[in-house]
Amino acid sequence: MAISSCRSQCCFILAMLILAGMSISRKFSAAQSCDTDVVSLVLQCEKFVEKSGPKVSPSPGCCAAVKSVDVSCVCALLTKEIQDMISMDKVVFVARSCGKKVSPGTICGSYTVPKA
């Protein structure tokens, strides 16, 4: 159960993903309102945004999930608890590697994307 919860939380960031002050079930519901396929993000992208290890180029499956995300909506819902479990630098790296525009100065949760 803890692994499943961790996976769910990692997904919400990517953002590159996410729902402040709500239960996990409400997080899934709110993420769905952002047209985010949360399950796909968790399954496809979690290993690319883990805090430990080097930055690794995301898989095609992860990129497909990332491309379906509304970055501004997901970032607005990102909680500190989720940010504590993932590397925001890797989230930005993955999003950009998948072709998502993430401009310097973009605010995602409490994280501000640094200048390149």
N, C-alpha and C. Protein backbone atom coordinates (compact mmCIF):
# COMPACT_ATOMS: atom_id res chain seq x y z
N MET A 1 0.82 -1.18 0.00
CA MET A 1 0.00 0.00 0.00
C MET A 1 0.87 1.25 0.00
N ALA A 2 1.95 1.26 0.76
CA ALA A 2 2.83 2.42 0.83
C ALA A 2 3.49 2.67 -0.52
N ILE A 3 3.86 1.61 -1.23
CA ILE A 3 4.48 1.76 -2.54
C ILE A 3 3.48 2.38 -3.51
N SER A 4 2.25 1.93 -3.48
CA SER A 4 1.21 2.46 -4.35
C SER A 4 0.99 3.94 -4.07
N SER A 5 0.95 4.32 -2.81
CA SER A 5 0.76 5.71 -2.43
C SER A 5 1.93 6.56 -2.90
N CYS A 6 3.14 6.06 -2.75
CA CYS A 6 4.34 6.77 -3.19
C CYS A 6 4.32 6.96 -4.70
N ARG A 7 3.95 5.94 -5.42
CA ARG A 7 3.86 6.03 -6.88
C ARG A 7 2.84 7.08 -7.27
N SER A 8 1.70 7.08 -6.60
CA SER A 8 0.67 8.06 -6.90
C SER A 8 1.18 9.47 -6.67
N GLN A 9 1.89 9.66 -5.59
CA GLN A 9 2.38 10.99 -5.27
C GLN A 9 3.46 11.42 -6.25
N CYS A 10 4.33 10.51 -6.66
CA CYS A 10 5.37 10.86 -7.63
C CYS A 10 4.76 11.30 -8.95
N CYS A 11 3.71 10.65 -9.34
CA CYS A 11 3.04 10.97 -10.59
C CYS A 11 2.51 12.38 -10.60
N PHE A 12 1.89 12.79 -9.54
CA PHE A 12 1.27 14.11 -9.50
C PHE A 12 2.29 15.20 -9.76
N ILE A 13 3.30 15.22 -9.54
CA ILE A 13 4.19 16.24 -9.91
C ILE A 13 4.43 16.32 -11.35
N LEU A 14 4.94 15.33 -11.74
CA LEU A 14 5.32 15.62 -13.10
C LEU A 14 4.30 16.48 -13.72
N ALA A 15 4.66 15.85 -12.55
CA ALA A 15 3.97 16.86 -12.46
C ALA A 15 3.50 16.71 -12.42
N MET A 16 5.29 16.77 -13.43
CA MET A 16 5.40 16.90 -13.52
C MET A 16 4.14 16.61 -13.17
N LEU A 17 3.66 16.76 -11.35
CA LEU A 17 2.37 16.57 -11.30
C LEU A 17 1.45 16.92 -10.03
N ILE A 18 0.03 16.05 -6.47
CA ILE A 18 -0.46 17.28 -7.04
C ILE A 18 -1.64 17.96 -6.34
N LEU A 19 -2.40 17.45 -5.51
CA LEU A 19 -3.60 18.13 -5.03
C LEU A 19 -3.48 18.53 -3.56
N ALA A 20 -3.37 19.82 -3.30
CA ALA A 20 -3.10 20.35 -1.96
C ALA A 20 -4.29 20.17 -1.02
N GLY A 21 -3.97 19.66 0.15
CA GLY A 21 -4.95 19.58 1.23
C GLY A 21 -6.10 18.63 1.01
N MET A 22 -5.95 17.69 0.09
CA MET A 22 -7.05 16.76 -0.19
C MET A 22 -6.60 15.33 0.06
N SER A 23 -7.55 14.44 0.16
CA SER A 23 -7.23 13.03 0.30
C SER A 23 -6.72 12.50 -1.04
N ILE A 24 -6.14 11.33 -1.04
CA ILE A 24 -5.62 10.75 -2.27
C ILE A 24 -6.73 10.58 -3.30
N SER A 25 -7.89 10.16 -2.88
CA SER A 25 -8.97 9.99 -3.85
C SER A 25 -9.39 11.31 -4.46
N ARG A 26 -9.39 12.37 -3.66
CA ARG A 26 -9.70 13.70 -4.20
C ARG A 26 -8.59 14.17 -5.12
N LYS A 27 -7.35 13.78 -4.82
CA LYS A 27 -6.24 14.15 -5.69
C LYS A 27 -6.43 13.55 -7.06
N PHE A 28 -6.83 12.28 -7.11
CA PHE A 28 -7.06 11.65 -8.40
C PHE A 28 -8.18 12.37 -9.15
N SER A 29 -9.24 12.71 -8.45
CA SER A 29 -10.37 13.40 -9.07
C SER A 29 -9.96 14.75 -9.62
N ALA A 30 -9.25 15.54 -8.83
CA ALA A 30 -8.81 16.87 -9.28
C ALA A 30 -7.83 16.76 -10.43
N ALA A 31 -6.93 15.79 -10.35
CA ALA A 31 -5.98 15.62 -11.44
C ALA A 31 -6.71 15.27 -12.73
N GLN A 32 -7.74 14.45 -12.62
CA GLN A 32 -8.53 14.11 -13.79
C GLN A 32 -9.19 15.35 -14.36
N SER A 33 -9.57 16.31 -13.50
CA SER A 33 -10.18 17.54 -14.01
C SER A 33 -9.15 18.36 -14.78
N CYS A 34 -7.88 18.09 -14.61
CA CYS A 34 -6.82 18.75 -15.38
C CYS A 34 -6.49 17.96 -16.64
N ASP A 35 -7.33 17.02 -17.00
CA ASP A 35 -7.10 16.17 -18.16
C ASP A 35 -5.78 15.42 -18.06
N THR A 36 -5.44 15.02 -16.86
CA THR A 36 -4.21 14.29 -16.61
C THR A 36 -4.53 12.81 -16.43
N ASP A 37 -3.81 11.97 -17.13
CA ASP A 37 -3.94 10.54 -16.92
C ASP A 37 -2.98 10.16 -15.81
N VAL A 38 -3.45 10.26 -14.57
CA VAL A 38 -2.62 10.06 -13.39
C VAL A 38 -2.04 8.67 -13.34
N VAL A 39 -2.83 7.68 -13.63
CA VAL A 39 -2.36 6.30 -13.56
C VAL A 39 -1.21 6.10 -14.54
N SER A 40 -1.34 6.60 -15.73
CA SER A 40 -0.28 6.47 -16.72
C SER A 40 0.98 7.20 -16.29
N LEU A 41 0.83 8.40 -15.73
CA LEU A 41 2.00 9.14 -15.24
C LEU A 41 2.74 8.35 -14.17
N VAL A 42 1.98 7.78 -13.24
CA VAL A 42 2.60 7.00 -12.16
C VAL A 42 3.35 5.81 -12.74
N LEU A 43 2.67 5.06 -13.56
CA LEU A 43 3.26 3.84 -14.09
C LEU A 43 4.44 4.11 -15.02
N GLN A 44 4.34 5.17 -15.79
CA GLN A 44 5.34 5.41 -16.83
C GLN A 44 6.51 6.29 -16.38
N CYS A 45 6.29 7.17 -15.41
CA CYS A 45 7.30 8.21 -15.15
C CYS A 45 7.92 8.21 -13.76
N GLU A 46 7.41 7.44 -12.84
CA GLU A 46 7.90 7.55 -11.46
C GLU A 46 9.41 7.37 -11.33
N LYS A 47 9.99 6.44 -12.04
CA LYS A 47 11.42 6.17 -11.87
C LYS A 47 12.30 7.28 -12.43
N PHE A 48 11.73 8.15 -13.25
CA PHE A 48 12.51 9.23 -13.85
C PHE A 48 12.54 10.49 -12.99
N VAL A 49 11.72 10.55 -11.94
CA VAL A 49 11.68 11.74 -11.08
C VAL A 49 12.03 11.44 -9.62
N GLU A 50 12.51 10.23 -9.36
CA GLU A 50 12.93 9.88 -8.00
C GLU A 50 14.09 10.77 -7.58
N LYS A 51 14.14 11.06 -6.29
CA LYS A 51 15.21 11.92 -5.77
C LYS A 51 16.59 11.30 -5.97
N SER A 52 16.70 9.99 -5.77
CA SER A 52 18.02 9.35 -5.86
C SER A 52 18.36 9.03 -7.32
N GLY A 53 19.65 8.96 -7.58
CA GLY A 53 20.13 8.57 -8.89
C GLY A 53 20.27 9.75 -9.85
N PRO A 54 20.89 9.46 -10.99
CA PRO A 54 21.15 10.51 -11.98
C PRO A 54 19.89 10.81 -12.81
N LYS A 55 19.95 11.92 -13.53
CA LYS A 55 18.90 12.22 -14.49
C LYS A 55 19.01 11.21 -15.63
N VAL A 56 17.88 10.64 -15.99
CA VAL A 56 17.83 9.64 -17.05
C VAL A 56 16.76 10.07 -18.04
N SER A 57 17.06 10.00 -19.31
CA SER A 57 16.07 10.35 -20.32
C SER A 57 14.83 9.49 -20.16
N PRO A 58 13.67 10.11 -20.22
CA PRO A 58 12.42 9.36 -20.02
C PRO A 58 12.12 8.43 -21.20
N SER A 59 11.33 7.42 -20.91
CA SER A 59 10.92 6.45 -21.92
C SER A 59 9.86 7.07 -22.82
N PRO A 60 9.64 6.47 -24.00
CA PRO A 60 8.55 6.94 -24.87
C PRO A 60 7.19 6.90 -24.16
N GLY A 61 6.97 5.89 -23.33
CA GLY A 61 5.70 5.79 -22.60
C GLY A 61 5.53 6.92 -21.61
N CYS A 62 6.61 7.27 -20.92
CA CYS A 62 6.58 8.40 -20.00
C CYS A 62 6.28 9.68 -20.77
N CYS A 63 6.97 9.88 -21.88
CA CYS A 63 6.75 11.10 -22.66
C CYS A 63 5.31 11.20 -23.17
N ALA A 64 4.74 10.09 -23.56
CA ALA A 64 3.34 10.12 -24.00
C ALA A 64 2.43 10.59 -22.87
N ALA A 65 2.70 10.11 -21.65
CA ALA A 65 1.91 10.54 -20.50
C ALA A 65 2.15 12.01 -20.19
N VAL A 66 3.40 12.45 -20.25
CA VAL A 66 3.75 13.85 -19.97
C VAL A 66 3.08 14.78 -20.98
N LYS A 67 3.07 14.38 -22.24
CA LYS A 67 2.49 15.23 -23.28
C LYS A 67 1.00 15.46 -23.09
N SER A 68 0.33 14.59 -22.34
CA SER A 68 -1.10 14.75 -22.11
C SER A 68 -1.41 15.65 -20.91
N VAL A 69 -0.37 16.13 -20.23
CA VAL A 69 -0.53 16.90 -18.99
C VAL A 69 -0.64 18.40 -19.28
N ASP A 70 -1.53 19.07 -18.59
CA ASP A 70 -1.60 20.53 -18.58
C ASP A 70 -0.68 20.98 -17.45
N VAL A 71 0.54 21.42 -17.80
CA VAL A 71 1.57 21.72 -16.81
C VAL A 71 1.10 22.76 -15.80
N SER A 72 0.50 23.85 -16.26
CA SER A 72 0.09 24.90 -15.32
C SER A 72 -0.96 24.41 -14.34
N CYS A 73 -1.87 23.57 -14.79
CA CYS A 73 -2.90 23.03 -13.91
C CYS A 73 -2.29 22.09 -12.88
N VAL A 74 -1.42 21.21 -13.33
CA VAL A 74 -0.78 20.26 -12.43
C VAL A 74 0.09 21.00 -11.42
N CYS A 75 0.85 21.98 -11.87
CA CYS A 75 1.72 22.73 -10.96
C CYS A 75 0.93 23.46 -9.89
N ALA A 76 -0.24 23.95 -10.25
CA ALA A 76 -1.08 24.66 -9.28
C ALA A 76 -1.56 23.73 -8.17
N LEU A 77 -1.57 22.44 -8.43
CA LEU A 77 -2.08 21.47 -7.47
C LEU A 77 -0.99 20.72 -6.71
N LEU A 78 0.26 21.01 -6.99
CA LEU A 78 1.39 20.29 -6.40
C LEU A 78 1.57 20.64 -4.93
N THR A 79 1.59 19.63 -4.08
CA THR A 79 1.75 19.84 -2.64
C THR A 79 3.21 19.71 -2.21
N LYS A 80 3.51 20.26 -1.05
CA LYS A 80 4.85 20.15 -0.48
C LYS A 80 5.18 18.69 -0.20
N GLU A 81 4.22 17.92 0.24
CA GLU A 81 4.44 16.50 0.53
C GLU A 81 4.90 15.74 -0.71
N ILE A 82 4.30 16.05 -1.82
CA ILE A 82 4.71 15.40 -3.07
C ILE A 82 6.10 15.89 -3.47
N GLN A 83 6.33 17.20 -3.36
CA GLN A 83 7.63 17.75 -3.70
C GLN A 83 8.74 17.15 -2.85
N ASP A 84 8.44 16.80 -1.62
CA ASP A 84 9.43 16.19 -0.73
C ASP A 84 9.82 14.79 -1.19
N MET A 85 9.01 14.17 -2.03
CA MET A 85 9.25 12.79 -2.45
C MET A 85 9.89 12.68 -3.82
N ILE A 86 9.93 13.76 -4.56
CA ILE A 86 10.46 13.72 -5.93
C ILE A 86 11.49 14.82 -6.13
N SER A 87 12.24 14.71 -7.21
CA SER A 87 13.21 15.73 -7.57
C SER A 87 12.55 16.67 -8.57
N MET A 88 12.34 17.92 -8.17
CA MET A 88 11.72 18.88 -9.07
C MET A 88 12.64 19.19 -10.25
N ASP A 89 13.96 19.14 -10.04
CA ASP A 89 14.88 19.32 -11.16
C ASP A 89 14.66 18.23 -12.21
N LYS A 90 14.44 16.99 -11.75
CA LYS A 90 14.19 15.89 -12.67
C LYS A 90 12.83 16.03 -13.34
N VAL A 91 11.85 16.56 -12.61
CA VAL A 91 10.53 16.78 -13.21
C VAL A 91 10.66 17.73 -14.40
N VAL A 92 11.39 18.83 -14.21
CA VAL A 92 11.60 19.80 -15.29
C VAL A 92 12.38 19.15 -16.42
N PHE A 93 13.42 18.39 -16.08
CA PHE A 93 14.23 17.69 -17.08
C PHE A 93 13.36 16.75 -17.91
N VAL A 94 12.52 15.97 -17.25
CA VAL A 94 11.66 15.01 -17.95
C VAL A 94 10.67 15.76 -18.84
N ALA A 95 10.03 16.78 -18.29
CA ALA A 95 9.05 17.54 -19.08
C ALA A 95 9.71 18.12 -20.33
N ARG A 96 10.85 18.75 -20.17
CA ARG A 96 11.55 19.34 -21.32
C ARG A 96 12.03 18.26 -22.29
N SER A 97 12.51 17.14 -21.77
CA SER A 97 12.97 16.04 -22.63
C SER A 97 11.83 15.50 -23.47
N CYS A 98 10.61 15.62 -22.96
CA CYS A 98 9.43 15.12 -23.66
C CYS A 98 8.78 16.19 -24.54
N GLY A 99 9.42 17.35 -24.62
CA GLY A 99 8.93 18.39 -25.51
C GLY A 99 7.97 19.38 -24.90
N LYS A 100 7.77 19.32 -23.58
CA LYS A 100 6.91 20.28 -22.91
C LYS A 100 7.71 21.55 -22.65
N LYS A 101 7.10 22.70 -22.92
CA LYS A 101 7.76 23.97 -22.65
C LYS A 101 7.60 24.27 -21.15
N VAL A 102 8.72 24.41 -20.47
CA VAL A 102 8.73 24.80 -19.06
C VAL A 102 9.71 25.97 -18.96
N SER A 103 9.19 27.16 -18.95
CA SER A 103 10.01 28.36 -18.98
C SER A 103 10.66 28.64 -17.64
N PRO A 104 11.87 29.21 -17.65
CA PRO A 104 12.48 29.66 -16.40
C PRO A 104 11.53 30.64 -15.72
N GLY A 105 11.45 30.54 -14.40
CA GLY A 105 10.55 31.39 -13.64
C GLY A 105 9.17 30.77 -13.43
N THR A 106 8.87 29.67 -14.13
CA THR A 106 7.60 28.99 -13.94
C THR A 106 7.52 28.50 -12.50
N ILE A 107 6.39 28.73 -11.86
CA ILE A 107 6.20 28.28 -10.48
C ILE A 107 5.39 26.99 -10.52
N CYS A 108 5.94 25.97 -9.89
CA CYS A 108 5.30 24.66 -9.83
C CYS A 108 5.27 24.24 -8.37
N GLY A 109 4.10 24.33 -7.74
CA GLY A 109 4.03 24.14 -6.29
C GLY A 109 4.78 25.29 -5.64
N SER A 110 5.75 24.97 -4.80
CA SER A 110 6.58 26.01 -4.18
C SER A 110 7.94 26.12 -4.87
N TYR A 111 8.10 25.38 -5.97
CA TYR A 111 9.36 25.35 -6.73
C TYR A 111 9.29 26.36 -7.88
N THR A 112 10.35 27.10 -8.05
CA THR A 112 10.47 28.01 -9.18
C THR A 112 11.54 27.47 -10.12
N VAL A 113 11.17 27.28 -11.37
CA VAL A 113 12.11 26.75 -12.36
C VAL A 113 13.22 27.77 -12.54
N PRO A 114 14.49 27.31 -12.30
CA PRO A 114 15.62 28.24 -12.40
C PRO A 114 15.94 28.61 -13.85
N LYS A 115 16.68 29.70 -13.99
CA LYS A 115 17.16 30.08 -15.32
C LYS A 115 18.19 29.04 -15.77
N ALA A 116 18.21 28.79 -17.05
CA ALA A 116 19.08 27.75 -17.61
C ALA A 116 20.54 28.04 -17.41
